[in-house]
Amino acid sequence: MAFVASFVFGLDRGSEQRPAQKQKTAPVPVAVPDSRVRVEVLNGSQKPGLARLATDRLRDAGFDVVFLGNARVAAESSVVFDRVGKREIAERVAQTLGIARVVTQRDSTRYLEVTVILGRDWQ
């Protein structure tokens, strides 16, 4: 009996008008702080150990190297790619490694800001 009574009274409350829900707003995009610059380092020189050496230099300078490995093709000269349209970040990476060439080549499929390809010219 108590169950039936609570059910009936519960239905009666359901007919009351509910307060309007707040409109959902689009999330505000959060910029990646410069202190957390994600970098990948690819060795295109075919000299063993260069990607590790560059990674150590970048990490000592405060960059977050998220991947290191070999480039798909050999490279004569080193290059730093800006992947997000913030060239100044790529230039800081290039300066840290002593690389002169910086190219903006946006790629939203990568979860990083900068790609470094070490060529045969990198010391």
C-alpha atoms as a PDB file:
ATOM      1  CA  MET A   1       0.000   0.000   0.000  1.00  0.00           C
ATOM      2  CA  ALA A   2       2.828   2.383   0.915  1.00  0.00           C
ATOM      3  CA  PHE A   3       4.499   1.533  -2.380  1.00  0.00           C
ATOM      4  CA  VAL A   4       1.371   2.372  -4.370  1.00  0.00           C
ATOM      5  CA  ALA A   5       0.928   5.659  -2.505  1.00  0.00           C
ATOM      6  CA  SER A   6       4.557   6.724  -3.124  1.00  0.00           C
ATOM      7  CA  PHE A   7       4.167   5.777  -6.782  1.00  0.00           C
ATOM      8  CA  VAL A   8       1.022   7.873  -7.187  1.00  0.00           C
ATOM      9  CA  PHE A   9       2.514  10.866  -5.409  1.00  0.00           C
ATOM     10  CA  GLY A  10       5.708  10.485  -7.433  1.00  0.00           C
ATOM     11  CA  LEU A  11       3.723  10.655 -10.674  1.00  0.00           C
ATOM     12  CA  ASP A  12       2.046  13.798  -9.463  1.00  0.00           C
ATOM     13  CA  ARG A  13       5.435  15.495  -8.971  1.00  0.00           C
ATOM     14  CA  GLY A  14       6.518  14.514 -12.456  1.00  0.00           C
ATOM     15  CA  SER A  15       3.838  16.765 -13.907  1.00  0.00           C
ATOM     16  CA  GLU A  16       5.389  19.823 -12.235  1.00  0.00           C
ATOM     17  CA  GLN A  17       7.431  22.004 -14.507  1.00  0.00           C
ATOM     18  CA  ARG A  18      11.151  21.550 -14.093  1.00  0.00           C
ATOM     19  CA  PRO A  19      13.533  24.489 -14.096  1.00  0.00           C
ATOM     20  CA  ALA A  20      15.138  25.185 -17.436  1.00  0.00           C
ATOM     21  CA  GLN A  21      18.524  23.561 -17.851  1.00  0.00           C
ATOM     22  CA  LYS A  22      21.547  25.721 -18.545  1.00  0.00           C
ATOM     23  CA  GLN A  23      22.650  25.938 -22.148  1.00  0.00           C
ATOM     24  CA  LYS A  24      25.841  24.026 -22.701  1.00  0.00           C
ATOM     25  CA  THR A  25      28.614  26.189 -24.033  1.00  0.00           C
ATOM     26  CA  ALA A  26      31.445  25.084 -26.261  1.00  0.00           C
ATOM     27  CA  PRO A  27      34.597  24.252 -24.318  1.00  0.00           C
ATOM     28  CA  VAL A  28      37.259  26.900 -24.351  1.00  0.00           C
ATOM     29  CA  PRO A  29      40.358  25.598 -26.136  1.00  0.00           C
ATOM     30  CA  VAL A  30      43.350  25.321 -23.858  1.00  0.00           C
ATOM     31  CA  ALA A  31      46.651  26.424 -25.297  1.00  0.00           C
ATOM     32  CA  VAL A  32      49.630  24.179 -24.712  1.00  0.00           C
ATOM     33  CA  PRO A  33      52.016  26.060 -22.468  1.00  0.00           C
ATOM     34  CA  ASP A  34      55.408  26.729 -23.990  1.00  0.00           C
ATOM     35  CA  SER A  35      57.050  24.827 -21.158  1.00  0.00           C
ATOM     36  CA  ARG A  36      55.459  21.641 -22.493  1.00  0.00           C
ATOM     37  CA  VAL A  37      56.618  21.706 -26.103  1.00  0.00           C
ATOM     38  CA  ARG A  38      56.309  18.180 -27.493  1.00  0.00           C
ATOM     39  CA  VAL A  39      59.017  17.252 -29.977  1.00  0.00           C
ATOM     40  CA  GLU A  40      59.899  14.224 -32.063  1.00  0.00           C
ATOM     41  CA  VAL A  41      63.496  13.683 -33.157  1.00  0.00           C
ATOM     42  CA  LEU A  42      64.250  11.645 -36.271  1.00  0.00           C
ATOM     43  CA  ASN A  43      67.741  10.624 -37.328  1.00  0.00           C
ATOM     44  CA  GLY A  44      68.137  11.027 -41.072  1.00  0.00           C
ATOM     45  CA  SER A  45      71.933  11.041 -40.980  1.00  0.00           C
ATOM     46  CA  GLN A  46      72.411   7.265 -40.817  1.00  0.00           C
ATOM     47  CA  LYS A  47      74.946   7.892 -38.023  1.00  0.00           C
ATOM     48  CA  PRO A  48      73.971   5.829 -34.956  1.00  0.00           C
ATOM     49  CA  GLY A  49      73.138   7.651 -31.738  1.00  0.00           C
ATOM     50  CA  LEU A  50      72.412  11.143 -33.088  1.00  0.00           C
ATOM     51  CA  ALA A  51      68.712  11.080 -32.207  1.00  0.00           C
ATOM     52  CA  ARG A  52      69.596  10.152 -28.617  1.00  0.00           C
ATOM     53  CA  LEU A  53      72.185  12.940 -28.406  1.00  0.00           C
ATOM     54  CA  ALA A  54      69.729  15.540 -29.744  1.00  0.00           C
ATOM     55  CA  THR A  55      67.028  14.231 -27.404  1.00  0.00           C
ATOM     56  CA  ASP A  56      69.321  14.683 -24.399  1.00  0.00           C
ATOM     57  CA  ARG A  57      70.107  18.276 -25.433  1.00  0.00           C
ATOM     58  CA  LEU A  58      66.441  19.120 -25.909  1.00  0.00           C
ATOM     59  CA  ARG A  59      65.386  17.559 -22.608  1.00  0.00           C
ATOM     60  CA  ASP A  60      68.161  19.415 -20.793  1.00  0.00           C
ATOM     61  CA  ALA A  61      66.729  22.621 -22.292  1.00  0.00           C
ATOM     62  CA  GLY A  62      63.231  21.765 -20.991  1.00  0.00           C
ATOM     63  CA  PHE A  63      61.578  20.341 -24.117  1.00  0.00           C
ATOM     64  CA  ASP A  64      59.438  17.206 -23.933  1.00  0.00           C
ATOM     65  CA  VAL A  65      60.775  14.724 -26.495  1.00  0.00           C
ATOM     66  CA  VAL A  66      57.914  12.284 -26.983  1.00  0.00           C
ATOM     67  CA  PHE A  67      59.466  10.170 -29.741  1.00  0.00           C
ATOM     68  CA  LEU A  68      62.898   9.488 -31.173  1.00  0.00           C
ATOM     69  CA  GLY A  69      63.879   7.183 -33.981  1.00  0.00           C
ATOM     70  CA  ASN A  70      65.084   6.987 -37.557  1.00  0.00           C
ATOM     71  CA  ALA A  71      63.754   9.041 -40.439  1.00  0.00           C
ATOM     72  CA  ARG A  72      62.271   7.109 -43.359  1.00  0.00           C
ATOM     73  CA  VAL A  73      64.771   8.596 -45.800  1.00  0.00           C
ATOM     74  CA  ALA A  74      68.312   9.899 -45.487  1.00  0.00           C
ATOM     75  CA  ALA A  75      68.712  13.656 -45.176  1.00  0.00           C
ATOM     76  CA  GLU A  76      71.727  15.720 -46.177  1.00  0.00           C
ATOM     77  CA  SER A  77      70.764  18.756 -44.109  1.00  0.00           C
ATOM     78  CA  SER A  78      68.924  19.114 -40.815  1.00  0.00           C
ATOM     79  CA  VAL A  79      65.518  20.751 -40.597  1.00  0.00           C
ATOM     80  CA  VAL A  80      63.010  21.630 -37.868  1.00  0.00           C
ATOM     81  CA  PHE A  81      59.310  21.454 -38.782  1.00  0.00           C
ATOM     82  CA  ASP A  82      56.704  23.624 -37.082  1.00  0.00           C
ATOM     83  CA  ARG A  83      53.620  21.362 -36.886  1.00  0.00           C
ATOM     84  CA  VAL A  84      51.102  23.733 -35.255  1.00  0.00           C
ATOM     85  CA  GLY A  85      51.710  27.142 -36.834  1.00  0.00           C
ATOM     86  CA  LYS A  86      53.799  28.547 -33.979  1.00  0.00           C
ATOM     87  CA  ARG A  87      57.084  29.137 -35.721  1.00  0.00           C
ATOM     88  CA  GLU A  88      58.693  30.785 -32.695  1.00  0.00           C
ATOM     89  CA  ILE A  89      58.532  27.480 -30.808  1.00  0.00           C
ATOM     90  CA  ALA A  90      60.195  25.614 -33.680  1.00  0.00           C
ATOM     91  CA  GLU A  91      62.848  28.318 -33.862  1.00  0.00           C
ATOM     92  CA  ARG A  92      63.664  27.821 -30.163  1.00  0.00           C
ATOM     93  CA  VAL A  93      64.110  24.090 -30.797  1.00  0.00           C
ATOM     94  CA  ALA A  94      66.293  24.826 -33.838  1.00  0.00           C
ATOM     95  CA  GLN A  95      68.410  27.277 -31.841  1.00  0.00           C
ATOM     96  CA  THR A  96      68.913  24.710 -29.079  1.00  0.00           C
ATOM     97  CA  LEU A  97      70.228  22.197 -31.604  1.00  0.00           C
ATOM     98  CA  GLY A  98      72.126  24.670 -33.785  1.00  0.00           C
ATOM     99  CA  ILE A  99      69.924  24.047 -36.826  1.00  0.00           C
ATOM    100  CA  ALA A 100      69.410  26.950 -39.231  1.00  0.00           C
ATOM    101  CA  ARG A 101      66.484  25.710 -41.322  1.00  0.00           C
ATOM    102  CA  VAL A 102      62.928  25.975 -39.922  1.00  0.00           C
ATOM    103  CA  VAL A 103      59.889  25.098 -42.055  1.00  0.00           C
ATOM    104  CA  THR A 104      56.207  25.481 -41.185  1.00  0.00           C
ATOM    105  CA  GLN A 105      54.397  22.331 -42.236  1.00  0.00           C
ATOM    106  CA  ARG A 106      51.222  21.961 -40.200  1.00  0.00           C
ATOM    107  CA  ASP A 107      50.072  18.451 -39.375  1.00  0.00           C
ATOM    108  CA  SER A 108      47.095  18.082 -37.054  1.00  0.00           C
ATOM    109  CA  THR A 109      47.369  14.269 -37.061  1.00  0.00           C
ATOM    110  CA  ARG A 110      50.461  14.410 -34.853  1.00  0.00           C
ATOM    111  CA  TYR A 111      50.226  14.998 -31.136  1.00  0.00           C
ATOM    112  CA  LEU A 112      53.238  17.302 -31.007  1.00  0.00           C
ATOM    113  CA  GLU A 113      54.395  20.786 -31.885  1.00  0.00           C
ATOM    114  CA  VAL A 114      57.771  20.193 -33.545  1.00  0.00           C
ATOM    115  CA  THR A 115      59.529  17.552 -35.659  1.00  0.00           C
ATOM    116  CA  VAL A 116      63.317  17.541 -35.950  1.00  0.00           C
ATOM    117  CA  ILE A 117      65.046  15.682 -38.761  1.00  0.00           C
ATOM    118  CA  LEU A 118      68.774  15.387 -38.218  1.00  0.00           C
ATOM    119  CA  GLY A 119      70.751  15.362 -41.445  1.00  0.00           C
ATOM    120  CA  ARG A 120      74.337  14.378 -42.186  1.00  0.00           C
ATOM    121  CA  ASP A 121      75.364  17.984 -41.464  1.00  0.00           C
ATOM    122  CA  TRP A 122      74.333  17.856 -37.771  1.00  0.00           C
ATOM    123  CA  GLN A 123      77.189  17.641 -35.268  1.00  0.00           C
END
